[in-house]
Amino acid sequence: MLTIWWAWRWRNNMILDSSCWSVNYVVRCIYLDALNLHLALSSDFQLTPTLFPLDSSTVHLNVDGCWFSDQSRLGFGGLIRDVSGHWLAGFSGNSSHGDPSLAELLAILEGLKIAWHLGFKTVQCMIDSMDIVQSLLHRDQAYLHSHASYLFDIFSLVDKPWTVNFLWIDRDSNCSADALAKLGALSSPVFEYWTSPPPSVLKWLLLDVVS
């Protein structure tokens, strides 16, 4: 029924609206409505944390940071998933001082710490800030960065006996990490570790999968 409903709305959009919806947009809307319906009908709905071996090979670490200048408060967060997209771990946190760059670096640093302690051997770290990715890829210029000490802490982790790759990702494909960063900024605990997705992040997980 949801698919028929959105197909009808999509048809009307193409006829009556000059800004035509894309296929991806319609598919995302169907996924979100299906999720909301499922949550509404299942009051006891919970996600069971995924069990994984300590020698798992490649995992994806999505990270993000946010900065609320009016509150002088930053948030950071991230999640670790296997190559099939299954949730393995997540985190969120905040600080009362900093800037957007520091928020991104804290997300990377904390995410790598968790990935290392969980025993993963290969990590693809997904970051939606090209400036930060460039800073990580040009070690010889790290000392010039305003947060050089955090870069050096990250490099110390990267140099451990494992493989870490830093990759740029489009913001539209990093919604879950963004949601965790904002959750961290608005929460009282300075840091939280998530064995399963917090409710406010569930719908963004679907958006990341579809995009």
N, C-alpha and C. Protein backbone atom coordinates (compact mmCIF):
# COMPACT_ATOMS: atom_id res chain seq x y z
N MET A 1 0.82 -1.21 0.00
CA MET A 1 0.00 0.00 0.00
C MET A 1 0.86 1.26 0.00
N LEU A 2 1.94 1.24 0.78
CA LEU A 2 2.81 2.41 0.83
C LEU A 2 3.42 2.70 -0.55
N THR A 3 3.82 1.63 -1.24
CA THR A 3 4.41 1.80 -2.56
C THR A 3 3.41 2.42 -3.53
N ILE A 4 2.17 1.94 -3.49
CA ILE A 4 1.12 2.48 -4.36
C ILE A 4 0.86 3.95 -4.04
N TRP A 5 0.81 4.26 -2.73
CA TRP A 5 0.56 5.63 -2.29
C TRP A 5 1.64 6.58 -2.81
N TRP A 6 2.91 6.17 -2.67
CA TRP A 6 3.99 7.04 -3.11
C TRP A 6 4.10 7.09 -4.63
N ALA A 7 3.73 6.01 -5.31
CA ALA A 7 3.70 6.04 -6.78
C ALA A 7 2.67 7.05 -7.26
N TRP A 8 1.52 7.08 -6.59
CA TRP A 8 0.47 8.05 -6.94
C TRP A 8 0.94 9.48 -6.68
N ARG A 9 1.60 9.70 -5.54
CA ARG A 9 2.10 11.04 -5.22
C ARG A 9 3.19 11.46 -6.20
N TRP A 10 4.02 10.49 -6.59
CA TRP A 10 5.10 10.78 -7.53
C TRP A 10 4.53 11.20 -8.89
N ARG A 11 3.47 10.49 -9.33
CA ARG A 11 2.82 10.83 -10.59
C ARG A 11 2.26 12.25 -10.54
N ASN A 12 1.60 12.59 -9.42
CA ASN A 12 1.05 13.94 -9.27
C ASN A 12 2.16 14.99 -9.25
N ASN A 13 3.28 14.63 -8.62
CA ASN A 13 4.40 15.56 -8.58
C ASN A 13 4.93 15.86 -9.98
N MET A 14 5.04 14.83 -10.82
CA MET A 14 5.55 15.02 -12.18
C MET A 14 4.60 15.88 -13.01
N ILE A 15 3.30 15.79 -12.73
CA ILE A 15 2.31 16.53 -13.52
C ILE A 15 2.16 17.97 -13.03
N LEU A 16 2.17 18.15 -11.70
CA LEU A 16 1.80 19.44 -11.12
C LEU A 16 2.96 20.28 -10.63
N ASP A 17 4.12 19.66 -10.43
CA ASP A 17 5.25 20.38 -9.83
C ASP A 17 6.41 20.44 -10.81
N SER A 18 7.04 21.61 -10.90
CA SER A 18 8.16 21.78 -11.83
C SER A 18 9.43 21.08 -11.33
N SER A 19 9.55 20.90 -10.01
CA SER A 19 10.73 20.23 -9.45
C SER A 19 10.40 18.75 -9.24
N CYS A 20 10.78 17.93 -10.20
CA CYS A 20 10.42 16.51 -10.18
C CYS A 20 11.26 15.74 -9.17
N TRP A 21 10.60 14.85 -8.41
CA TRP A 21 11.31 14.02 -7.43
C TRP A 21 12.16 12.98 -8.15
N SER A 22 13.30 12.65 -7.55
CA SER A 22 14.14 11.59 -8.11
C SER A 22 13.65 10.23 -7.62
N VAL A 23 14.10 9.17 -8.30
CA VAL A 23 13.74 7.81 -7.88
C VAL A 23 14.25 7.54 -6.48
N ASN A 24 15.51 7.95 -6.20
CA ASN A 24 16.08 7.72 -4.87
C ASN A 24 15.26 8.39 -3.77
N TYR A 25 14.76 9.60 -4.06
CA TYR A 25 13.96 10.31 -3.06
C TYR A 25 12.69 9.53 -2.74
N VAL A 26 12.02 9.03 -3.76
CA VAL A 26 10.77 8.30 -3.55
C VAL A 26 11.04 7.00 -2.78
N VAL A 27 12.11 6.30 -3.15
CA VAL A 27 12.45 5.05 -2.46
C VAL A 27 12.75 5.32 -0.99
N ARG A 28 13.47 6.41 -0.71
CA ARG A 28 13.77 6.77 0.69
C ARG A 28 12.48 7.02 1.47
N CYS A 29 11.54 7.74 0.85
CA CYS A 29 10.28 8.04 1.52
C CYS A 29 9.50 6.76 1.85
N ILE A 30 9.52 5.81 0.92
CA ILE A 30 8.83 4.53 1.16
C ILE A 30 9.49 3.80 2.33
N TYR A 31 10.83 3.78 2.36
CA TYR A 31 11.55 3.12 3.45
C TYR A 31 11.22 3.77 4.79
N LEU A 32 11.23 5.10 4.83
CA LEU A 32 10.97 5.80 6.09
C LEU A 32 9.54 5.57 6.58
N ASP A 33 8.57 5.62 5.66
CA ASP A 33 7.19 5.37 6.06
C ASP A 33 7.01 3.94 6.55
N ALA A 34 7.68 2.99 5.89
CA ALA A 34 7.59 1.60 6.31
C ALA A 34 8.19 1.43 7.71
N LEU A 35 9.31 2.11 7.96
CA LEU A 35 9.94 2.02 9.28
C LEU A 35 9.04 2.63 10.35
N ASN A 36 8.48 3.81 10.08
CA ASN A 36 7.61 4.46 11.05
C ASN A 36 6.38 3.62 11.35
N LEU A 37 5.83 2.98 10.32
CA LEU A 37 4.67 2.11 10.52
C LEU A 37 5.03 0.92 11.38
N HIS A 38 6.20 0.35 11.11
CA HIS A 38 6.65 -0.81 11.89
C HIS A 38 6.85 -0.44 13.35
N LEU A 39 7.46 0.72 13.59
CA LEU A 39 7.68 1.16 14.97
C LEU A 39 6.36 1.44 15.68
N ALA A 40 5.41 2.00 14.94
CA ALA A 40 4.11 2.32 15.54
C ALA A 40 3.35 1.06 15.93
N LEU A 41 3.48 0.00 15.13
CA LEU A 41 2.75 -1.24 15.39
C LEU A 41 3.48 -2.16 16.36
N SER A 42 4.76 -1.87 16.60
CA SER A 42 5.57 -2.73 17.48
C SER A 42 6.15 -1.90 18.60
N SER A 43 5.39 -1.72 19.66
CA SER A 43 5.84 -0.87 20.77
C SER A 43 7.06 -1.44 21.47
N ASP A 44 7.26 -2.76 21.35
CA ASP A 44 8.40 -3.38 22.01
C ASP A 44 9.55 -3.61 21.03
N PHE A 45 9.51 -2.90 19.90
CA PHE A 45 10.53 -3.09 18.86
C PHE A 45 11.91 -2.70 19.38
N GLN A 46 12.87 -3.62 19.24
CA GLN A 46 14.25 -3.36 19.62
C GLN A 46 15.18 -4.05 18.63
N LEU A 47 16.35 -3.48 18.47
CA LEU A 47 17.36 -4.11 17.63
C LEU A 47 18.34 -4.84 18.51
N THR A 48 18.60 -6.10 18.21
CA THR A 48 19.57 -6.87 18.97
C THR A 48 20.96 -6.55 18.48
N PRO A 49 21.90 -6.24 19.37
CA PRO A 49 23.26 -5.95 18.94
C PRO A 49 23.83 -7.10 18.12
N THR A 50 24.55 -6.75 17.06
CA THR A 50 25.16 -7.76 16.21
C THR A 50 26.38 -8.36 16.89
N LEU A 51 26.48 -9.69 16.89
CA LEU A 51 27.66 -10.35 17.42
C LEU A 51 28.67 -10.51 16.30
N PHE A 52 29.94 -10.31 16.59
CA PHE A 52 30.95 -10.39 15.55
C PHE A 52 32.24 -10.94 16.13
N PRO A 53 33.01 -11.66 15.32
CA PRO A 53 34.29 -12.20 15.78
C PRO A 53 35.33 -11.11 15.88
N LEU A 54 36.28 -11.28 16.78
CA LEU A 54 37.32 -10.27 16.96
C LEU A 54 38.26 -10.19 15.77
N ASP A 55 38.27 -11.20 14.91
CA ASP A 55 39.15 -11.16 13.75
C ASP A 55 38.40 -10.75 12.48
N SER A 56 37.27 -10.02 12.64
CA SER A 56 36.53 -9.55 11.47
C SER A 56 37.48 -8.76 10.57
N SER A 57 37.28 -8.86 9.28
CA SER A 57 38.20 -8.19 8.36
C SER A 57 37.85 -6.72 8.23
N THR A 58 37.24 -6.34 7.13
CA THR A 58 36.99 -4.92 6.87
C THR A 58 35.70 -4.43 7.51
N VAL A 59 35.77 -3.27 8.16
CA VAL A 59 34.58 -2.61 8.69
C VAL A 59 34.58 -1.16 8.20
N HIS A 60 33.39 -0.57 8.18
CA HIS A 60 33.23 0.82 7.80
C HIS A 60 32.96 1.66 9.04
N LEU A 61 33.77 2.68 9.23
CA LEU A 61 33.60 3.61 10.34
C LEU A 61 33.17 4.96 9.77
N ASN A 62 31.90 5.31 9.97
CA ASN A 62 31.39 6.62 9.55
C ASN A 62 31.44 7.56 10.74
N VAL A 63 32.00 8.74 10.54
CA VAL A 63 32.13 9.71 11.63
C VAL A 63 31.66 11.08 11.17
N ASP A 64 31.29 11.91 12.14
CA ASP A 64 30.90 13.28 11.83
C ASP A 64 30.96 14.12 13.09
N GLY A 65 31.04 15.42 12.90
CA GLY A 65 31.04 16.36 14.00
C GLY A 65 30.10 17.51 13.70
N CYS A 66 29.67 18.20 14.74
CA CYS A 66 28.82 19.38 14.54
C CYS A 66 29.20 20.44 15.57
N TRP A 67 28.91 21.68 15.23
CA TRP A 67 29.29 22.80 16.08
C TRP A 67 28.13 23.77 16.18
N PHE A 68 27.66 24.05 17.41
CA PHE A 68 26.60 25.02 17.65
C PHE A 68 27.24 26.29 18.22
N SER A 69 27.48 27.26 17.35
CA SER A 69 28.20 28.46 17.76
C SER A 69 27.42 29.27 18.80
N ASP A 70 26.08 29.26 18.73
CA ASP A 70 25.30 30.04 19.68
C ASP A 70 25.38 29.47 21.09
N GLN A 71 25.75 28.18 21.19
CA GLN A 71 25.88 27.55 22.50
C GLN A 71 27.34 27.25 22.85
N SER A 72 28.25 27.56 21.93
CA SER A 72 29.67 27.22 22.10
C SER A 72 29.81 25.76 22.52
N ARG A 73 29.19 24.90 21.76
CA ARG A 73 29.15 23.48 22.10
C ARG A 73 29.31 22.64 20.84
N LEU A 74 30.15 21.64 20.92
CA LEU A 74 30.33 20.75 19.78
C LEU A 74 29.83 19.36 20.11
N GLY A 75 29.49 18.63 19.07
CA GLY A 75 29.09 17.24 19.21
C GLY A 75 29.85 16.40 18.20
N PHE A 76 30.06 15.15 18.53
CA PHE A 76 30.72 14.24 17.61
C PHE A 76 30.10 12.86 17.76
N GLY A 77 30.19 12.08 16.71
CA GLY A 77 29.61 10.74 16.77
C GLY A 77 30.04 9.90 15.60
N GLY A 78 29.72 8.63 15.68
CA GLY A 78 30.07 7.73 14.59
C GLY A 78 29.51 6.34 14.82
N LEU A 79 29.65 5.52 13.82
CA LEU A 79 29.16 4.15 13.91
C LEU A 79 30.06 3.23 13.11
N ILE A 80 30.14 1.99 13.55
CA ILE A 80 30.93 0.97 12.87
C ILE A 80 29.97 -0.08 12.34
N ARG A 81 30.10 -0.39 11.04
CA ARG A 81 29.26 -1.40 10.41
C ARG A 81 30.14 -2.36 9.61
N ASP A 82 29.64 -3.57 9.43
CA ASP A 82 30.37 -4.50 8.58
C ASP A 82 30.06 -4.16 7.12
N VAL A 83 30.66 -4.89 6.20
CA VAL A 83 30.52 -4.55 4.79
C VAL A 83 29.10 -4.76 4.28
N SER A 84 28.29 -5.49 5.05
CA SER A 84 26.89 -5.70 4.67
C SER A 84 25.97 -4.63 5.27
N GLY A 85 26.55 -3.73 6.05
CA GLY A 85 25.76 -2.64 6.63
C GLY A 85 25.20 -2.92 8.00
N HIS A 86 25.56 -4.05 8.62
CA HIS A 86 25.05 -4.38 9.95
C HIS A 86 25.76 -3.56 11.03
N TRP A 87 24.97 -3.03 11.93
CA TRP A 87 25.50 -2.23 13.04
C TRP A 87 26.37 -3.08 13.95
N LEU A 88 27.57 -2.59 14.25
CA LEU A 88 28.47 -3.27 15.17
C LEU A 88 28.69 -2.46 16.44
N ALA A 89 28.79 -1.15 16.31
CA ALA A 89 29.00 -0.28 17.47
C ALA A 89 28.76 1.16 17.06
N GLY A 90 28.49 2.00 18.05
CA GLY A 90 28.31 3.42 17.78
C GLY A 90 28.69 4.24 18.99
N PHE A 91 28.82 5.54 18.81
CA PHE A 91 29.20 6.41 19.92
C PHE A 91 28.75 7.84 19.64
N SER A 92 28.63 8.62 20.70
CA SER A 92 28.31 10.04 20.58
C SER A 92 28.89 10.76 21.79
N GLY A 93 29.22 12.03 21.61
CA GLY A 93 29.80 12.78 22.71
C GLY A 93 29.77 14.27 22.45
N ASN A 94 30.27 15.05 23.40
CA ASN A 94 30.24 16.50 23.26
C ASN A 94 31.37 17.15 24.03
N SER A 95 31.55 18.43 23.78
CA SER A 95 32.53 19.24 24.50
C SER A 95 32.03 20.68 24.51
N SER A 96 32.38 21.41 25.56
CA SER A 96 31.91 22.79 25.70
C SER A 96 32.86 23.80 25.06
N HIS A 97 33.88 23.32 24.38
CA HIS A 97 34.78 24.24 23.68
C HIS A 97 35.26 23.59 22.40
N GLY A 98 35.66 24.41 21.44
CA GLY A 98 36.17 23.87 20.19
C GLY A 98 35.67 24.62 18.98
N ASP A 99 35.59 23.92 17.87
CA ASP A 99 35.14 24.48 16.61
C ASP A 99 34.78 23.31 15.69
N PRO A 100 34.28 23.58 14.48
CA PRO A 100 33.88 22.48 13.60
C PRO A 100 34.99 21.48 13.30
N SER A 101 36.22 21.97 13.12
CA SER A 101 37.34 21.06 12.82
C SER A 101 37.62 20.12 13.98
N LEU A 102 37.60 20.67 15.19
CA LEU A 102 37.86 19.83 16.36
C LEU A 102 36.77 18.77 16.52
N ALA A 103 35.53 19.14 16.22
CA ALA A 103 34.43 18.18 16.31
C ALA A 103 34.68 16.99 15.38
N GLU A 104 35.12 17.26 14.17
CA GLU A 104 35.41 16.19 13.21
C GLU A 104 36.57 15.32 13.70
N LEU A 105 37.62 15.95 14.20
CA LEU A 105 38.80 15.21 14.65
C LEU A 105 38.50 14.34 15.87
N LEU A 106 37.67 14.86 16.78
CA LEU A 106 37.29 14.05 17.95
C LEU A 106 36.49 12.82 17.53
N ALA A 107 35.63 13.00 16.53
CA ALA A 107 34.85 11.86 16.04
C ALA A 107 35.77 10.78 15.46
N ILE A 108 36.75 11.20 14.69
CA ILE A 108 37.70 10.25 14.10
C ILE A 108 38.52 9.56 15.18
N LEU A 109 39.03 10.35 16.12
CA LEU A 109 39.88 9.81 17.18
C LEU A 109 39.13 8.79 18.03
N GLU A 110 37.93 9.15 18.48
CA GLU A 110 37.17 8.23 19.33
C GLU A 110 36.72 7.00 18.55
N GLY A 111 36.35 7.20 17.29
CA GLY A 111 35.93 6.07 16.47
C GLY A 111 37.05 5.06 16.25
N LEU A 112 38.25 5.56 15.99
CA LEU A 112 39.39 4.67 15.80
C LEU A 112 39.77 3.96 17.10
N LYS A 113 39.65 4.65 18.22
CA LYS A 113 39.93 4.00 19.51
C LYS A 113 39.01 2.80 19.72
N ILE A 114 37.73 3.00 19.43
CA ILE A 114 36.76 1.92 19.62
C ILE A 114 37.05 0.77 18.65
N ALA A 115 37.30 1.11 17.39
CA ALA A 115 37.58 0.07 16.39
C ALA A 115 38.81 -0.74 16.77
N TRP A 116 39.83 -0.08 17.29
CA TRP A 116 41.05 -0.78 17.70
C TRP A 116 40.77 -1.70 18.89
N HIS A 117 40.06 -1.20 19.88
CA HIS A 117 39.78 -2.01 21.07
C HIS A 117 38.86 -3.19 20.75
N LEU A 118 38.05 -3.07 19.71
CA LEU A 118 37.18 -4.18 19.32
C LEU A 118 37.91 -5.21 18.46
N GLY A 119 39.14 -4.91 18.09
CA GLY A 119 39.96 -5.89 17.41
C GLY A 119 39.84 -5.96 15.90
N PHE A 120 39.29 -4.94 15.27
CA PHE A 120 39.17 -4.97 13.82
C PHE A 120 40.53 -4.74 13.16
N LYS A 121 40.73 -5.35 12.00
CA LYS A 121 42.03 -5.32 11.34
C LYS A 121 42.11 -4.32 10.19
N THR A 122 40.98 -4.06 9.55
CA THR A 122 40.96 -3.13 8.42
C THR A 122 39.76 -2.20 8.58
N VAL A 123 40.02 -0.90 8.58
CA VAL A 123 38.96 0.09 8.80
C VAL A 123 38.94 1.09 7.65
N GLN A 124 37.77 1.22 7.06
CA GLN A 124 37.54 2.27 6.06
C GLN A 124 36.83 3.40 6.79
N CYS A 125 37.55 4.48 7.07
CA CYS A 125 37.00 5.60 7.83
C CYS A 125 36.38 6.61 6.88
N MET A 126 35.06 6.77 6.95
CA MET A 126 34.32 7.63 6.04
C MET A 126 34.08 9.00 6.69
N ILE A 127 34.52 10.06 6.00
CA ILE A 127 34.47 11.42 6.53
C ILE A 127 33.86 12.33 5.47
N ASP A 128 32.92 13.21 5.86
CA ASP A 128 32.29 14.07 4.86
C ASP A 128 32.90 15.48 4.80
N SER A 129 34.05 15.66 5.44
CA SER A 129 34.77 16.93 5.37
C SER A 129 36.05 16.74 4.55
N MET A 130 36.08 17.33 3.36
CA MET A 130 37.25 17.17 2.50
C MET A 130 38.48 17.81 3.13
N ASP A 131 38.31 18.93 3.84
CA ASP A 131 39.44 19.59 4.49
C ASP A 131 40.11 18.66 5.50
N ILE A 132 39.31 17.96 6.28
CA ILE A 132 39.86 17.05 7.28
C ILE A 132 40.55 15.87 6.61
N VAL A 133 39.95 15.34 5.55
CA VAL A 133 40.58 14.23 4.82
C VAL A 133 41.94 14.66 4.29
N GLN A 134 42.01 15.86 3.72
CA GLN A 134 43.28 16.35 3.20
C GLN A 134 44.32 16.50 4.31
N SER A 135 43.89 16.96 5.47
CA SER A 135 44.81 17.11 6.60
C SER A 135 45.35 15.76 7.05
N LEU A 136 44.51 14.73 6.97
CA LEU A 136 44.94 13.39 7.38
C LEU A 136 45.86 12.74 6.36
N LEU A 137 45.70 13.11 5.10
CA LEU A 137 46.51 12.51 4.05
C LEU A 137 47.85 13.21 3.85
N HIS A 138 48.01 14.41 4.41
CA HIS A 138 49.26 15.16 4.26
C HIS A 138 49.91 15.33 5.63
N ARG A 139 50.51 14.27 6.10
CA ARG A 139 51.12 14.27 7.44
C ARG A 139 52.21 15.33 7.58
N ASP A 140 52.93 15.57 6.50
CA ASP A 140 54.06 16.49 6.59
C ASP A 140 53.63 17.92 6.90
N GLN A 141 52.33 18.21 6.74
CA GLN A 141 51.84 19.55 7.02
C GLN A 141 50.97 19.60 8.28
N ALA A 142 50.90 18.48 8.99
CA ALA A 142 50.01 18.39 10.15
C ALA A 142 50.36 19.41 11.23
N TYR A 143 51.65 19.70 11.38
CA TYR A 143 52.07 20.62 12.44
C TYR A 143 51.54 22.03 12.24
N LEU A 144 51.08 22.34 11.02
CA LEU A 144 50.53 23.66 10.73
C LEU A 144 49.06 23.79 11.12
N HIS A 145 48.42 22.67 11.39
CA HIS A 145 46.99 22.67 11.70
C HIS A 145 46.73 23.25 13.08
N SER A 146 45.61 23.93 13.24
CA SER A 146 45.27 24.54 14.53
C SER A 146 45.04 23.49 15.62
N HIS A 147 44.74 22.26 15.21
CA HIS A 147 44.55 21.17 16.17
C HIS A 147 45.54 20.04 15.88
N ALA A 148 46.80 20.43 15.71
CA ALA A 148 47.85 19.48 15.34
C ALA A 148 47.97 18.33 16.34
N SER A 149 47.79 18.61 17.62
CA SER A 149 47.96 17.56 18.63
C SER A 149 46.95 16.43 18.43
N TYR A 150 45.73 16.77 18.00
CA TYR A 150 44.72 15.74 17.76
C TYR A 150 45.07 14.94 16.50
N LEU A 151 45.61 15.61 15.50
CA LEU A 151 46.05 14.89 14.30
C LEU A 151 47.15 13.89 14.66
N PHE A 152 48.09 14.30 15.49
CA PHE A 152 49.17 13.40 15.88
C PHE A 152 48.64 12.21 16.70
N ASP A 153 47.62 12.45 17.52
CA ASP A 153 47.00 11.35 18.26
C ASP A 153 46.36 10.35 17.30
N ILE A 154 45.72 10.87 16.26
CA ILE A 154 45.11 10.00 15.24
C ILE A 154 46.19 9.21 14.51
N PHE A 155 47.28 9.88 14.14
CA PHE A 155 48.36 9.20 13.43
C PHE A 155 48.97 8.08 14.29
N SER A 156 49.05 8.31 15.60
CA SER A 156 49.58 7.28 16.49
C SER A 156 48.71 6.03 16.46
N LEU A 157 47.40 6.23 16.37
CA LEU A 157 46.49 5.08 16.26
C LEU A 157 46.63 4.40 14.91
N VAL A 158 46.72 5.20 13.86
CA VAL A 158 46.83 4.64 12.50
C VAL A 158 48.08 3.79 12.35
N ASP A 159 49.14 4.15 13.06
CA ASP A 159 50.42 3.45 12.94
C ASP A 159 50.47 2.11 13.68
N LYS A 160 49.41 1.76 14.37
CA LYS A 160 49.35 0.46 15.02
C LYS A 160 49.26 -0.64 13.95
N PRO A 161 49.46 -1.91 14.33
CA PRO A 161 49.45 -3.00 13.34
C PRO A 161 48.05 -3.34 12.81
N TRP A 162 47.52 -2.44 12.02
CA TRP A 162 46.25 -2.64 11.33
C TRP A 162 46.23 -1.73 10.12
N THR A 163 45.17 -1.75 9.34
CA THR A 163 45.07 -0.91 8.15
C THR A 163 43.90 0.05 8.30
N VAL A 164 44.19 1.34 8.17
CA VAL A 164 43.16 2.38 8.25
C VAL A 164 43.23 3.24 6.99
N ASN A 165 42.13 3.36 6.29
CA ASN A 165 42.04 4.21 5.11
C ASN A 165 41.04 5.33 5.37
N PHE A 166 41.42 6.55 5.02
CA PHE A 166 40.53 7.70 5.17
C PHE A 166 39.92 8.03 3.82
N LEU A 167 38.60 8.06 3.77
CA LEU A 167 37.89 8.28 2.52
C LEU A 167 36.86 9.39 2.68
N TRP A 168 36.75 10.24 1.66
CA TRP A 168 35.71 11.27 1.68
C TRP A 168 34.39 10.65 1.26
N ILE A 169 33.30 11.08 1.91
CA ILE A 169 31.97 10.59 1.60
C ILE A 169 31.02 11.77 1.53
N ASP A 170 30.05 11.70 0.65
CA ASP A 170 29.06 12.77 0.52
C ASP A 170 28.22 12.87 1.79
N ARG A 171 27.84 14.09 2.16
CA ARG A 171 27.05 14.29 3.38
C ARG A 171 25.73 13.52 3.35
N ASP A 172 25.13 13.42 2.16
CA ASP A 172 23.85 12.72 2.05
C ASP A 172 23.98 11.23 2.34
N SER A 173 25.19 10.71 2.29
CA SER A 173 25.42 9.29 2.59
C SER A 173 25.99 9.09 3.99
N ASN A 174 26.00 10.17 4.77
CA ASN A 174 26.58 10.11 6.11
C ASN A 174 25.58 10.58 7.17
N CYS A 175 24.31 10.35 6.90
CA CYS A 175 23.24 10.86 7.76
C CYS A 175 23.28 10.27 9.17
N SER A 176 23.62 9.00 9.29
CA SER A 176 23.61 8.35 10.60
C SER A 176 24.67 8.94 11.52
N ALA A 177 25.87 9.16 10.98
CA ALA A 177 26.93 9.75 11.79
C ALA A 177 26.57 11.18 12.18
N ASP A 178 25.95 11.91 11.26
CA ASP A 178 25.51 13.28 11.56
C ASP A 178 24.48 13.28 12.68
N ALA A 179 23.54 12.33 12.62
CA ALA A 179 22.51 12.24 13.67
C ALA A 179 23.14 11.91 15.03
N LEU A 180 24.14 11.05 15.04
CA LEU A 180 24.82 10.71 16.29
C LEU A 180 25.59 11.90 16.84
N ALA A 181 26.21 12.68 15.95
CA ALA A 181 26.94 13.87 16.39
C ALA A 181 25.99 14.88 17.04
N LYS A 182 24.84 15.09 16.42
CA LYS A 182 23.86 16.03 16.97
C LYS A 182 23.26 15.49 18.26
N LEU A 183 23.06 14.18 18.32
CA LEU A 183 22.58 13.57 19.56
C LEU A 183 23.59 13.80 20.68
N GLY A 184 24.87 13.64 20.36
CA GLY A 184 25.91 13.87 21.35
C GLY A 184 25.94 15.30 21.84
N ALA A 185 25.79 16.25 20.91
CA ALA A 185 25.84 17.66 21.28
C ALA A 185 24.71 18.06 22.21
N LEU A 186 23.55 17.42 22.04
CA LEU A 186 22.37 17.80 22.81
C LEU A 186 22.15 16.93 24.05
N SER A 187 23.05 15.99 24.30
CA SER A 187 22.90 15.08 25.44
C SER A 187 23.72 15.55 26.63
N SER A 188 23.31 15.10 27.81
CA SER A 188 24.04 15.46 29.03
C SER A 188 25.35 14.69 29.18
N PRO A 189 25.36 13.36 28.94
CA PRO A 189 26.62 12.63 29.09
C PRO A 189 27.68 13.15 28.13
N VAL A 190 28.91 13.24 28.61
CA VAL A 190 30.01 13.70 27.77
C VAL A 190 30.31 12.68 26.68
N PHE A 191 30.07 11.39 26.98
CA PHE A 191 30.34 10.35 25.99
C PHE A 191 29.40 9.17 26.23
N GLU A 192 28.89 8.61 25.13
CA GLU A 192 28.03 7.42 25.22
C GLU A 192 28.45 6.41 24.16
N TYR A 193 28.44 5.15 24.55
CA TYR A 193 28.75 4.04 23.64
C TYR A 193 27.45 3.29 23.36
N TRP A 194 27.19 3.03 22.08
CA TRP A 194 25.92 2.42 21.69
C TRP A 194 26.15 1.03 21.10
N THR A 195 25.66 0.01 21.80
CA THR A 195 25.75 -1.35 21.27
C THR A 195 24.69 -1.61 20.21
N SER A 196 23.64 -0.80 20.20
CA SER A 196 22.62 -0.87 19.16
C SER A 196 22.19 0.56 18.85
N PRO A 197 21.58 0.80 17.69
CA PRO A 197 21.25 2.17 17.29
C PRO A 197 20.25 2.83 18.24
N PRO A 198 20.52 4.06 18.69
CA PRO A 198 19.51 4.79 19.46
C PRO A 198 18.30 5.08 18.57
N PRO A 199 17.11 5.16 19.13
CA PRO A 199 15.90 5.34 18.32
C PRO A 199 15.95 6.51 17.35
N SER A 200 16.57 7.61 17.76
CA SER A 200 16.60 8.79 16.90
C SER A 200 17.47 8.62 15.67
N VAL A 201 18.24 7.55 15.62
CA VAL A 201 19.16 7.32 14.50
C VAL A 201 18.62 6.29 13.52
N LEU A 202 17.61 5.53 13.92
CA LEU A 202 17.12 4.42 13.10
C LEU A 202 16.74 4.84 11.68
N LYS A 203 15.98 5.91 11.54
CA LYS A 203 15.53 6.28 10.20
C LYS A 203 16.69 6.73 9.32
N TRP A 204 17.72 7.31 9.93
CA TRP A 204 18.86 7.77 9.14
C TRP A 204 19.69 6.59 8.66
N LEU A 205 19.67 5.49 9.38
CA LEU A 205 20.35 4.29 8.91
C LEU A 205 19.77 3.83 7.59
N LEU A 206 18.46 3.90 7.46
CA LEU A 206 17.82 3.52 6.21
C LEU A 206 18.20 4.46 5.08
N LEU A 207 18.28 5.76 5.38
CA LEU A 207 18.67 6.72 4.36
C LEU A 207 20.07 6.44 3.84
N ASP A 208 20.98 6.10 4.75
CA ASP A 208 22.35 5.79 4.34
C ASP A 208 22.39 4.55 3.45
N VAL A 209 21.55 3.56 3.77
CA VAL A 209 21.53 2.32 2.99
C VAL A 209 21.01 2.57 1.59
N VAL A 210 19.96 3.40 1.48
CA VAL A 210 19.33 3.65 0.19
C VAL A 210 20.19 4.55 -0.69
N SER A 211 20.89 5.52 -0.07
CA SER A 211 21.66 6.50 -0.86
C SER A 211 22.90 5.88 -1.48
